[in-house]
Amino acid sequence: MQSSCCNNRIQVRSRREFLEKSSYGFGAMALQYLLGASQALAAPTAAMNPLAPKAPPFPPKAKQVIFLFMEGGPSHMDTFDPKPTLNQLEGQPLPPSFLKGDVQLAQINAKESKLMGSRRTFKRYGQSGLEVSDVFPRVAEFADDMAVIRSCYHESIIHGPALSMLHSGSIRLGYPSLGSWVVYGLGTESQNLPAYMVMSDTFIRGSKSLFGSGFLPATYQGTLVNTQGTPFDNLVPPAEMDPKSQRIVLDQLRTWNERHLEERPDDTSLQARISNFELAFRMQTACPELNDFSTEPESIHKLYGLDTPVTACYGRMCLMARRMVERGVRFVHLYNNDWDTHQECDKRHMENSRQTDLPMAGLLTDLKLRGLLESTLVIWAGEFGRTPVMQGNSGRDHNPYGFTIWMAGGGIKGGKVIGATDEIGWAAAEDRVHVHDVHATILALLGFDHKKLTYFDSGRDQRLTGVGDEGSHAFTQKLLA
């Protein structure tokens, strides 16, 4: 027996092979029903375009996210969490009472360590009187738009697991990043650009795992954008290939890939490859326009610091972020290095400030003037804070027990401080906010109940905030009130 289906995609050479292939299909249908995944069979359009925009279950406050990540761990008591008591205790030994419970020191000897006050000056800004140090004088001008959370914490003192926790909600590798969860839930409003874009001024510690899709389909992973030269590699077709010929090649390639995929429906990397070929074709037109800053007036170049060498790199990243969300990109992730200040903490923080403060303020200014800040959630964070004791030559060690992040836009009520660390900035003491609480709140602002945005993997419904963790509803309400 030799036959084929009408579209010539499935070849059947015998009755035995026909029954074998058919039985696989019936089994898959039954399994999908048992796992509650029958909706996938009824939604072929979503399967054909997994990045199609989707409405969240609840009315969203925010539609897009810009994540300003300060890799290495900025010192909270030198930036957004003033500690006058710490300054008064300068040079004294760390009191033993601060080493109770789970708190411990990783790289410094507690008996020999001395408390080190901040060298920075804090001022009150805006009508709210929010206190910010002179590390970020330009960003501080947006005090009334910012909600500063001074009581964040998690469980890892090591960079790798801490980075993973901030980005994926787990200290273990292989879990989807925050951006991937957002795109999985919402899709994207831009069909000509990647839904999730990543930029870095130098390197990314932890590399692609921090913006990977983990066990989610590979379609939802982040796309790394070059910050020097051409933003996207291999995007320009050969000179001898005209658009019509390229379209013919892509159509044939899609036919072959889809035929290949029919026998491998669980191969998400193949699904992503098919989608990426089509996206790359559309990007050939969209990306040159995205990267063309000549259309921006001189005032915008100056606003972001593109005219000054020290701010030009990060300023370009921030301007690109605005242009991306303006064009419907769902999640933009900017990495700045390196805040890991084991030596000369104050000096290094001021150097990093000169690179980032003006561009970040420019981004907030631009978003606000264009009416984009209302729908764009801006998040500033590192993987942890720093210790109040001196390490080495005026440095500070890692501190996950209490640190600061801030948010602005996207429904956030600004001009407020949530939570507090103890009097020397060692650990979160009031309204403690775990990273899972932060992630739950981000999803809530985007219109999701974090307990219901799930993906079935390894025998359970997985989620960003971890199975069994309820998240903090109270924290979310404080950001919105």
Protein backbone atom coordinates (compact mmCIF):
# COMPACT_ATOMS: atom_id res chain seq x y z
CA MET A 1 0.00 0.00 0.00
CA GLN A 2 1.41 3.36 -1.09
CA SER A 3 -0.43 6.62 -0.65
CA SER A 4 -0.02 10.17 0.49
CA CYS A 5 -2.16 12.90 2.02
CA CYS A 6 -3.57 15.52 -0.34
CA ASN A 7 -0.90 18.07 0.57
CA ASN A 8 1.86 15.49 0.23
CA ARG A 9 3.17 16.13 3.73
CA ILE A 10 2.70 12.66 5.23
CA GLN A 11 4.00 9.65 3.32
CA VAL A 12 2.44 6.25 4.21
CA ARG A 13 3.97 3.12 2.69
CA SER A 14 1.97 0.34 4.41
CA ARG A 15 -1.14 -0.37 6.48
CA ARG A 16 1.08 -1.07 9.48
CA GLU A 17 2.77 2.33 9.15
CA PHE A 18 -0.61 4.03 8.72
CA LEU A 19 -1.92 2.49 11.96
CA GLU A 20 1.33 3.28 13.76
CA LYS A 21 1.29 6.97 12.76
CA SER A 22 -2.42 7.29 13.49
CA SER A 23 -2.06 5.77 16.93
CA TYR A 24 0.56 8.36 17.83
CA GLY A 25 -1.87 11.12 16.92
CA PHE A 26 -4.73 9.64 18.96
CA GLY A 27 -2.43 9.22 21.95
CA ALA A 28 -1.27 12.81 21.74
CA MET A 29 -4.85 14.06 21.61
CA ALA A 30 -5.78 12.00 24.65
CA LEU A 31 -2.74 13.21 26.57
CA GLN A 32 -3.53 16.85 25.78
CA TYR A 33 -7.06 16.36 27.06
CA LEU A 34 -5.84 14.75 30.29
CA LEU A 35 -3.39 17.58 30.89
CA GLY A 36 -6.03 20.25 30.29
CA ALA A 37 -4.33 21.43 27.11
CA SER A 38 -7.24 20.90 24.75
CA GLN A 39 -7.38 24.64 24.05
CA ALA A 40 -4.27 24.28 21.93
CA LEU A 41 -6.25 22.13 19.48
CA ALA A 42 -8.97 24.77 19.21
CA ALA A 43 -6.64 27.72 18.61
CA PRO A 44 -4.62 27.10 15.43
CA THR A 45 -4.04 30.82 14.91
CA ALA A 46 -2.24 31.13 18.26
CA ALA A 47 -0.17 28.06 17.43
CA MET A 48 0.78 29.57 14.08
CA ASN A 49 1.85 32.84 15.71
CA PRO A 50 2.68 32.36 19.41
CA LEU A 51 3.77 36.01 19.62
CA ALA A 52 0.40 37.40 18.56
CA PRO A 53 -0.78 40.04 21.07
CA LYS A 54 -3.01 38.62 23.81
CA ALA A 55 -5.30 40.38 26.25
CA PRO A 56 -4.43 39.66 29.93
CA PRO A 57 -7.15 38.32 32.26
CA PHE A 58 -7.43 41.64 34.14
CA PRO A 59 -7.24 45.28 33.04
CA PRO A 60 -3.50 46.09 32.93
CA LYS A 61 -1.80 49.16 34.35
CA ALA A 62 1.28 48.57 32.20
CA LYS A 63 1.68 47.22 28.67
CA GLN A 64 5.47 47.16 28.34
CA VAL A 65 8.52 46.82 30.59
CA ILE A 66 11.99 48.38 30.59
CA PHE A 67 14.28 46.64 33.08
CA LEU A 68 17.36 48.71 34.03
CA PHE A 69 19.63 46.09 35.57
CA MET A 70 22.76 47.16 37.46
CA GLU A 71 24.83 43.98 37.37
CA GLY A 72 27.06 43.32 40.36
CA GLY A 73 24.88 44.75 43.14
CA PRO A 74 24.72 48.51 43.89
CA SER A 75 25.13 49.63 47.48
CA HIS A 76 21.71 50.62 48.83
CA MET A 77 23.10 52.70 51.72
CA ASP A 78 25.08 54.77 49.20
CA THR A 79 22.21 55.34 46.76
CA PHE A 80 18.58 55.13 47.88
CA ASP A 81 18.63 54.04 51.55
CA PRO A 82 20.24 56.66 53.86
CA LYS A 83 21.65 55.32 57.14
CA PRO A 84 22.72 58.15 59.49
CA THR A 85 23.22 55.68 62.36
CA LEU A 86 25.73 53.77 60.25
CA ASN A 87 27.67 56.99 59.70
CA GLN A 88 27.70 57.61 63.45
CA LEU A 89 29.08 54.11 64.10
CA GLU A 90 31.86 54.47 61.53
CA GLY A 91 34.86 52.27 62.41
CA GLN A 92 33.14 50.26 65.17
CA PRO A 93 32.92 46.45 65.04
CA LEU A 94 29.80 44.85 63.60
CA PRO A 95 27.50 44.04 66.55
CA PRO A 96 27.02 40.24 66.95
CA SER A 97 23.25 40.75 67.07
CA PHE A 98 23.27 41.37 63.32
CA LEU A 99 24.52 37.85 62.60
CA LYS A 100 21.52 35.99 63.98
CA GLY A 101 19.37 33.55 62.04
CA ASP A 102 20.15 33.00 58.35
CA VAL A 103 22.33 36.10 58.00
CA GLN A 104 26.01 35.35 57.52
CA LEU A 105 29.11 36.86 56.00
CA ALA A 106 30.62 35.17 52.98
CA GLN A 107 33.97 36.80 52.30
CA ILE A 108 34.87 38.89 55.34
CA ASN A 109 35.77 38.08 58.92
CA ALA A 110 32.99 39.43 61.14
CA LYS A 111 35.29 39.72 64.16
CA GLU A 112 37.76 41.89 62.28
CA SER A 113 35.29 43.89 60.21
CA LYS A 114 34.49 47.49 60.91
CA LEU A 115 31.34 49.41 60.03
CA MET A 116 31.79 51.82 57.14
CA GLY A 117 29.45 54.78 56.72
CA SER A 118 28.45 56.24 53.40
CA ARG A 119 30.63 58.90 51.80
CA ARG A 120 27.66 60.22 49.81
CA THR A 121 25.30 63.11 50.56
CA PHE A 122 21.55 62.49 50.63
CA LYS A 123 18.96 65.15 49.77
CA ARG A 124 15.18 65.28 49.67
CA TYR A 125 13.60 65.65 46.24
CA GLY A 126 10.19 66.55 44.90
CA GLN A 127 7.00 67.20 46.79
CA SER A 128 7.33 63.78 48.39
CA GLY A 129 10.71 64.58 49.94
CA LEU A 130 12.11 61.23 48.82
CA GLU A 131 15.77 60.90 49.89
CA VAL A 132 18.31 60.04 47.18
CA SER A 133 22.09 60.32 47.27
CA ASP A 134 24.30 62.35 44.96
CA VAL A 135 25.17 59.14 43.11
CA PHE A 136 21.95 59.68 41.13
CA PRO A 137 21.16 63.43 41.16
CA ARG A 138 19.43 63.39 37.74
CA VAL A 139 17.29 60.33 38.45
CA ALA A 140 16.41 61.88 41.82
CA GLU A 141 14.52 64.61 39.97
CA PHE A 142 11.86 61.96 39.30
CA ALA A 143 11.32 61.25 42.99
CA ASP A 144 7.59 61.89 42.70
CA ASP A 145 7.32 59.28 39.93
CA MET A 146 9.29 56.58 41.76
CA ALA A 147 8.33 53.96 44.31
CA VAL A 148 11.49 52.95 46.19
CA ILE A 149 11.37 49.52 47.82
CA ARG A 150 14.07 49.44 50.51
CA SER A 151 13.28 46.03 52.02
CA CYS A 152 13.97 43.55 49.22
CA TYR A 153 15.67 40.28 50.04
CA HIS A 154 16.36 36.74 48.83
CA GLU A 155 18.46 33.74 49.82
CA SER A 156 21.68 33.77 47.78
CA ILE A 157 24.89 35.66 48.49
CA ILE A 158 26.63 34.39 45.32
CA HIS A 159 26.36 36.27 42.01
CA GLY A 160 25.25 33.34 39.84
CA PRO A 161 22.27 32.15 41.91
CA ALA A 162 21.37 35.75 42.84
CA LEU A 163 21.30 36.81 39.20
CA SER A 164 19.17 33.79 38.40
CA MET A 165 16.79 34.65 41.25
CA LEU A 166 16.28 38.24 40.06
CA HIS A 167 15.80 37.18 36.47
CA SER A 168 13.84 33.93 36.77
CA GLY A 169 12.58 33.63 40.35
CA SER A 170 14.81 30.61 41.02
CA ILE A 171 18.42 30.16 42.11
CA ARG A 172 18.66 27.20 39.72
CA LEU A 173 19.43 27.45 36.02
CA GLY A 174 16.99 26.36 33.36
CA TYR A 175 14.03 28.46 34.45
CA PRO A 176 12.37 31.03 32.15
CA SER A 177 13.38 34.66 32.57
CA LEU A 178 10.97 37.36 33.65
CA GLY A 179 10.89 38.75 30.13
CA SER A 180 10.05 35.34 28.68
CA TRP A 181 7.13 34.93 31.08
CA VAL A 182 5.83 38.38 30.12
CA VAL A 183 6.01 37.64 26.39
CA TYR A 184 4.50 34.17 26.95
CA GLY A 185 1.53 35.81 28.67
CA LEU A 186 1.06 38.87 26.45
CA GLY A 187 2.70 38.23 23.09
CA THR A 188 3.87 41.41 21.40
CA GLU A 189 2.33 44.38 19.63
CA SER A 190 5.24 44.51 17.18
CA GLN A 191 5.28 41.80 14.53
CA ASN A 192 8.34 43.26 12.80
CA LEU A 193 10.73 43.29 15.78
CA PRO A 194 11.60 40.72 18.47
CA ALA A 195 9.21 40.82 21.42
CA TYR A 196 12.00 40.67 24.04
CA MET A 197 15.18 42.69 23.47
CA VAL A 198 18.39 42.64 25.52
CA MET A 199 21.29 45.10 25.46
CA SER A 200 24.48 45.37 27.52
CA ASP A 201 27.26 47.95 27.61
CA THR A 202 29.94 45.29 28.11
CA PHE A 203 29.38 41.65 29.13
CA ILE A 204 26.52 39.80 30.81
CA ARG A 205 27.53 37.67 33.77
CA GLY A 206 25.56 34.44 33.42
CA SER A 207 25.23 35.02 29.67
CA LYS A 208 22.13 33.89 27.78
CA SER A 209 20.65 31.91 30.66
CA LEU A 210 19.50 35.21 32.21
CA PHE A 211 17.24 36.03 29.28
CA GLY A 212 16.52 32.50 28.11
CA SER A 213 13.12 30.87 27.87
CA GLY A 214 13.99 27.86 30.05
CA PHE A 215 11.25 25.25 29.78
CA LEU A 216 8.97 27.67 27.93
CA PRO A 217 8.99 27.36 24.13
CA ALA A 218 12.15 28.85 22.64
CA THR A 219 10.07 31.47 20.80
CA TYR A 220 9.86 33.46 24.05
CA GLN A 221 13.61 33.87 24.65
CA GLY A 222 15.28 37.26 24.56
CA THR A 223 17.14 38.59 21.52
CA LEU A 224 20.58 40.06 22.22
CA VAL A 225 21.09 43.37 20.42
CA ASN A 226 24.56 44.66 19.60
CA THR A 227 25.27 48.07 21.13
CA GLN A 228 28.15 48.76 18.74
CA GLY A 229 27.85 48.63 14.97
CA THR A 230 24.95 46.75 13.40
CA PRO A 231 22.33 45.90 16.06
CA PHE A 232 21.51 42.47 14.59
CA ASP A 233 23.95 40.02 13.01
CA ASN A 234 23.29 38.31 9.65
CA LEU A 235 20.23 40.42 8.88
CA VAL A 236 21.29 41.80 5.49
CA PRO A 237 20.69 39.29 2.64
CA PRO A 238 23.31 38.67 -0.06
CA ALA A 239 23.47 41.43 -2.65
CA GLU A 240 22.57 39.03 -5.48
CA MET A 241 19.26 38.00 -3.82
CA ASP A 242 16.29 40.25 -4.50
CA PRO A 243 13.27 40.33 -2.14
CA LYS A 244 11.07 38.25 -4.48
CA SER A 245 13.64 35.47 -4.72
CA GLN A 246 14.21 35.57 -0.99
CA ARG A 247 10.45 35.23 -0.41
CA ILE A 248 10.36 32.12 -2.62
CA VAL A 249 13.27 30.57 -0.72
CA LEU A 250 11.67 31.32 2.67
CA ASP A 251 8.31 29.89 1.59
CA GLN A 252 9.94 26.64 0.47
CA LEU A 253 12.05 26.49 3.62
CA ARG A 254 8.93 26.98 5.73
CA THR A 255 7.19 24.13 3.92
CA TRP A 256 10.09 21.77 4.63
CA ASN A 257 10.41 22.89 8.24
CA GLU A 258 6.69 22.50 8.93
CA ARG A 259 6.76 19.03 7.42
CA HIS A 260 9.70 18.22 9.66
CA LEU A 261 7.87 19.68 12.65
CA GLU A 262 4.78 17.50 12.18
CA GLU A 263 6.77 14.50 13.37
CA ARG A 264 8.44 16.52 16.15
CA PRO A 265 5.64 18.67 17.67
CA ASP A 266 7.50 19.10 20.96
CA ASP A 267 10.63 20.56 19.38
CA THR A 268 10.18 24.18 20.47
CA SER A 269 13.59 25.17 19.07
CA LEU A 270 12.36 24.14 15.61
CA GLN A 271 9.12 26.06 16.12
CA ALA A 272 11.16 29.10 17.12
CA ARG A 273 13.41 28.71 14.08
CA ILE A 274 10.43 28.74 11.73
CA SER A 275 9.07 31.90 13.38
CA ASN A 276 12.50 33.53 13.39
CA PHE A 277 13.00 33.08 9.65
CA GLU A 278 9.79 35.01 9.03
CA LEU A 279 10.61 37.62 11.67
CA ALA A 280 14.09 38.14 10.23
CA PHE A 281 12.57 38.78 6.81
CA ARG A 282 10.34 41.53 8.24
CA MET A 283 13.18 42.91 10.38
CA GLN A 284 15.19 43.72 7.26
CA THR A 285 12.93 46.72 6.82
CA ALA A 286 12.10 47.53 10.45
CA CYS A 287 15.58 47.36 12.00
CA PRO A 288 17.40 49.97 9.90
CA GLU A 289 14.65 52.43 10.80
CA LEU A 290 14.86 51.45 14.49
CA ASN A 291 18.59 52.10 14.54
CA ASP A 292 18.46 55.37 12.59
CA PHE A 293 19.01 58.06 15.22
CA SER A 294 19.40 60.74 12.55
CA THR A 295 15.65 61.24 12.71
CA GLU A 296 15.95 62.28 16.36
CA PRO A 297 16.49 66.01 17.01
CA GLU A 298 19.68 67.28 18.58
CA SER A 299 17.80 67.93 21.82
CA ILE A 300 17.11 64.19 22.17
CA HIS A 301 20.77 63.34 21.53
CA LYS A 302 21.73 65.74 24.30
CA LEU A 303 18.96 64.51 26.61
CA TYR A 304 20.40 60.98 26.55
CA GLY A 305 24.04 62.09 26.64
CA LEU A 306 24.93 60.86 23.16
CA ASP A 307 27.12 63.92 22.69
CA THR A 308 29.40 63.00 25.63
CA PRO A 309 31.76 59.98 25.50
CA VAL A 310 31.19 58.87 29.10
CA THR A 311 27.39 58.64 28.67
CA ALA A 312 27.18 57.84 24.95
CA CYS A 313 27.09 54.02 25.22
CA TYR A 314 24.45 53.70 27.92
CA GLY A 315 22.62 56.71 26.49
CA ARG A 316 22.34 54.94 23.16
CA MET A 317 20.92 51.89 24.93
CA CYS A 318 18.32 53.99 26.76
CA LEU A 319 17.29 55.82 23.59
CA MET A 320 17.02 52.50 21.77
CA ALA A 321 14.81 51.24 24.61
CA ARG A 322 12.42 54.15 24.14
CA ARG A 323 12.30 53.58 20.39
CA MET A 324 11.63 49.88 20.97
CA VAL A 325 8.66 50.31 23.31
CA GLU A 326 7.39 53.07 21.02
CA ARG A 327 7.26 50.42 18.28
CA GLY A 328 5.47 47.83 20.38
CA VAL A 329 8.32 45.74 21.79
CA ARG A 330 7.02 44.12 24.97
CA PHE A 331 10.11 43.75 27.18
CA VAL A 332 13.44 45.61 26.98
CA HIS A 333 16.31 44.59 29.25
CA LEU A 334 19.35 46.85 29.72
CA TYR A 335 22.47 45.60 31.54
CA ASN A 336 25.06 47.94 33.01
CA ASN A 337 28.36 46.68 34.43
CA ASP A 338 29.99 46.53 36.93
CA TRP A 339 28.62 47.37 40.41
CA ASP A 340 30.49 44.56 42.18
CA THR A 341 32.51 46.91 44.40
CA HIS A 342 34.65 44.82 46.76
CA GLN A 343 37.27 47.57 46.53
CA GLU A 344 36.81 51.36 46.53
CA CYS A 345 33.02 51.16 46.63
CA ASP A 346 32.45 54.90 46.67
CA LYS A 347 34.84 55.65 43.81
CA ARG A 348 33.43 52.90 41.63
CA HIS A 349 29.84 53.94 42.28
CA MET A 350 30.56 57.49 41.22
CA GLU A 351 32.26 56.26 38.03
CA ASN A 352 29.23 54.12 37.20
CA SER A 353 26.93 57.02 38.04
CA ARG A 354 28.61 59.26 35.49
CA GLN A 355 27.83 56.65 32.81
CA THR A 356 24.20 55.92 33.73
CA ASP A 357 22.52 58.72 35.71
CA LEU A 358 21.99 61.16 32.84
CA PRO A 359 20.81 58.52 30.31
CA MET A 360 18.32 57.00 32.78
CA ALA A 361 16.95 60.45 33.59
CA GLY A 362 16.76 61.14 29.87
CA LEU A 363 14.77 57.95 29.36
CA LEU A 364 12.29 58.88 32.11
CA THR A 365 11.98 62.40 30.71
CA ASP A 366 11.38 61.19 27.18
CA LEU A 367 8.85 58.52 28.19
CA LYS A 368 6.96 61.05 30.28
CA LEU A 369 6.86 63.72 27.56
CA ARG A 370 5.57 61.21 25.00
CA GLY A 371 2.91 59.81 27.31
CA LEU A 372 4.63 56.41 27.32
CA LEU A 373 5.50 56.33 31.03
CA GLU A 374 1.86 55.70 31.91
CA SER A 375 1.91 52.38 30.03
CA THR A 376 5.60 51.48 30.47
CA LEU A 377 6.83 49.98 33.73
CA VAL A 378 10.45 50.99 34.42
CA ILE A 379 12.33 48.83 36.94
CA TRP A 380 15.78 49.54 38.43
CA ALA A 381 17.55 46.76 40.34
CA GLY A 382 20.71 44.78 40.97
CA GLU A 383 21.01 41.17 42.13
CA PHE A 384 21.59 42.30 45.74
CA GLY A 385 22.92 45.20 47.81
CA ARG A 386 26.19 45.66 49.73
CA THR A 387 27.16 45.19 53.35
CA PRO A 388 27.52 48.04 55.87
CA VAL A 389 30.98 46.78 56.85
CA MET A 390 34.22 47.57 55.06
CA GLN A 391 35.88 44.95 52.88
CA GLY A 392 39.44 45.33 51.60
CA ASN A 393 40.24 48.87 50.53
CA SER A 394 36.98 50.71 51.32
CA GLY A 395 34.88 48.07 49.56
CA ARG A 396 31.62 46.36 50.47
CA ASP A 397 30.63 42.69 50.23
CA HIS A 398 27.46 41.11 48.75
CA ASN A 399 24.27 41.54 50.74
CA PRO A 400 21.01 39.73 49.75
CA TYR A 401 19.42 40.24 53.19
CA GLY A 402 18.28 43.79 52.53
CA PHE A 403 18.59 45.89 49.37
CA THR A 404 16.76 48.45 47.25
CA ILE A 405 14.99 48.48 43.91
CA TRP A 406 12.71 51.15 42.45
CA MET A 407 9.89 51.25 39.94
CA ALA A 408 8.28 54.05 37.97
CA GLY A 409 5.45 54.35 35.46
CA GLY A 410 3.09 51.56 34.50
CA GLY A 411 0.49 52.35 37.17
CA ILE A 412 2.97 52.88 39.99
CA LYS A 413 2.08 55.61 42.48
CA GLY A 414 5.32 57.52 42.87
CA GLY A 415 6.86 59.57 45.64
CA LYS A 416 6.82 56.78 48.18
CA VAL A 417 9.10 54.47 50.12
CA ILE A 418 8.06 50.90 50.89
CA GLY A 419 9.75 48.94 53.65
CA ALA A 420 12.99 49.58 55.51
CA THR A 421 16.23 47.93 56.43
CA ASP A 422 17.58 48.04 60.00
CA GLU A 423 19.47 51.07 61.31
CA ILE A 424 22.76 50.10 59.65
CA GLY A 425 21.31 48.70 56.40
CA TRP A 426 22.19 45.09 57.11
CA ALA A 427 18.83 43.35 56.55
CA ALA A 428 15.21 44.05 55.62
CA ALA A 429 13.35 44.86 58.84
CA GLU A 430 9.95 46.37 57.93
CA ASP A 431 7.54 45.17 55.23
CA ARG A 432 10.03 42.64 53.91
CA VAL A 433 9.63 42.12 50.15
CA HIS A 434 10.95 38.89 48.63
CA VAL A 435 11.94 38.83 44.96
CA HIS A 436 8.89 36.62 44.35
CA ASP A 437 6.73 39.46 45.67
CA VAL A 438 8.39 41.82 43.19
CA HIS A 439 7.76 39.43 40.30
CA ALA A 440 4.15 38.86 41.39
CA THR A 441 3.60 42.61 41.41
CA ILE A 442 5.13 43.09 37.96
CA LEU A 443 2.75 40.46 36.59
CA ALA A 444 -0.17 42.08 38.42
CA LEU A 445 0.60 45.44 36.82
CA LEU A 446 0.54 43.69 33.45
CA GLY A 447 -2.87 42.17 34.18
CA PHE A 448 -2.00 38.71 35.51
CA ASP A 449 -2.55 36.73 38.67
CA HIS A 450 0.92 35.25 39.11
CA LYS A 451 -0.59 32.01 40.46
CA LYS A 452 -2.47 31.46 37.21
CA LEU A 453 0.18 32.33 34.64
CA THR A 454 1.57 28.80 34.45
CA TYR A 455 3.26 26.34 32.11
CA PHE A 456 3.12 22.58 32.58
CA ASP A 457 6.60 21.09 32.96
CA SER A 458 8.15 18.25 34.97
CA GLY A 459 4.77 17.08 36.21
CA ARG A 460 3.48 20.35 37.59
CA ASP A 461 2.17 23.77 36.64
CA GLN A 462 5.30 25.90 36.89
CA ARG A 463 5.24 29.66 37.41
CA LEU A 464 7.59 32.61 37.75
CA THR A 465 7.03 32.99 41.49
CA GLY A 466 7.67 29.34 42.31
CA VAL A 467 5.23 26.56 43.09
CA GLY A 468 3.80 26.98 46.58
CA ASP A 469 4.84 30.62 47.02
CA GLU A 470 1.79 32.85 47.34
CA GLY A 471 3.49 36.20 46.76
CA SER A 472 2.53 39.38 48.56
CA HIS A 473 -0.84 40.90 47.66
CA ALA A 474 -0.24 43.58 50.31
CA PHE A 475 2.97 44.73 48.61
CA THR A 476 1.19 45.10 45.26
CA GLN A 477 -1.51 47.22 46.83
CA LYS A 478 1.05 49.52 48.47
CA LEU A 479 2.60 50.26 45.07
CA LEU A 480 -0.76 51.16 43.60
CA ALA A 481 -2.27 53.06 46.55
